[in-house]
């Protein structure tokens, strides 16, 4: 999004009443939570498919940490 478009949106928000601004913040936060939840569900689904297809192997925390630090 361009800076001018974002600034225009902020100007519109500034013109709203405080209760409307609070409602807008609530709705945006709710949508963000829903989008994050949907993204997480997609990642879990993909990970499960990879596991079922044999593209990844289970490992212990110690093995994961060793791989990360190497």
Protein backbone atom coordinates (compact mmCIF):
# COMPACT_ATOMS: atom_id res chain seq x y z
CA UNK A 1 0.00 0.00 0.00
CA UNK A 2 1.35 3.40 -0.87
CA UNK A 3 2.13 5.88 1.87
CA UNK A 4 -0.43 8.35 0.57
CA UNK A 5 -3.20 5.74 0.52
CA UNK A 6 -2.33 4.70 4.08
CA UNK A 7 -2.32 8.37 5.15
CA UNK A 8 -5.74 8.81 3.52
CA UNK A 9 -7.08 5.86 5.49
CA UNK A 10 -5.70 7.31 8.72
CA UNK A 11 -7.34 10.65 7.91
CA UNK A 12 -10.69 8.90 7.46
CA UNK A 13 -10.22 7.06 10.76
CA UNK A 14 -9.40 10.35 12.50
CA UNK A 15 -12.77 11.64 11.29
CA UNK A 16 -14.63 8.84 13.04
CA UNK A 17 -16.06 9.19 16.51
CA UNK A 18 -14.10 7.56 19.33
CA UNK A 19 -16.64 4.72 19.69
CA UNK A 20 -16.43 4.08 15.94
CA UNK A 21 -12.62 4.10 16.09
CA UNK A 22 -12.74 1.61 18.97
CA UNK A 23 -15.15 -0.59 17.02
CA UNK A 24 -12.89 -0.42 13.97
CA UNK A 25 -9.87 -1.46 16.05
CA UNK A 26 -11.86 -4.36 17.51
CA UNK A 27 -12.96 -5.52 14.06
CA UNK A 28 -9.45 -5.26 12.59
CA UNK A 29 -7.98 -7.19 15.53
CA UNK A 30 -10.64 -9.87 15.11
CA UNK A 31 -9.90 -10.19 11.38
CA UNK A 32 -6.16 -10.42 12.08
CA UNK A 33 -6.77 -13.18 14.61
CA UNK A 34 -8.92 -15.07 12.13
CA UNK A 35 -6.30 -14.68 9.39
CA UNK A 36 -3.53 -15.92 11.72
CA UNK A 37 -5.67 -18.88 12.78
CA UNK A 38 -6.39 -19.75 9.13
CA UNK A 39 -2.69 -19.47 8.26
CA UNK A 40 -1.73 -21.70 11.18
CA UNK A 41 -4.33 -24.30 10.18
CA UNK A 42 -2.91 -24.32 6.63
CA UNK A 43 0.64 -24.77 7.96
CA UNK A 44 -0.47 -27.63 10.20
CA UNK A 45 -2.26 -29.28 7.28
CA UNK A 46 0.85 -28.96 5.09
CA UNK A 47 3.10 -30.33 7.83
CA UNK A 48 0.82 -33.32 8.35
CA UNK A 49 0.80 -34.05 4.62
CA UNK A 50 4.61 -33.87 4.50
CA UNK A 51 4.81 -36.24 7.44
CA UNK A 52 2.30 -38.68 5.93
CA UNK A 53 4.24 -38.66 2.64
CA UNK A 54 7.44 -39.48 4.49
CA UNK A 55 9.06 -36.14 3.75
CA UNK A 56 9.97 -35.54 7.37
CA UNK A 57 10.96 -37.65 10.32
CA UNK A 58 10.02 -37.35 13.95
CA UNK A 59 12.84 -36.29 16.25
CA UNK A 60 13.41 -35.40 19.86
CA UNK A 61 13.88 -31.89 21.18
CA UNK A 62 17.54 -32.68 21.77
CA UNK A 63 17.98 -33.71 18.12
CA UNK A 64 16.26 -30.56 16.92
CA UNK A 65 18.41 -28.34 19.13
CA UNK A 66 21.57 -30.12 17.98
CA UNK A 67 20.56 -29.56 14.32
CA UNK A 68 19.82 -25.91 14.97
CA UNK A 69 23.11 -25.19 16.71
CA UNK A 70 25.29 -27.06 14.18
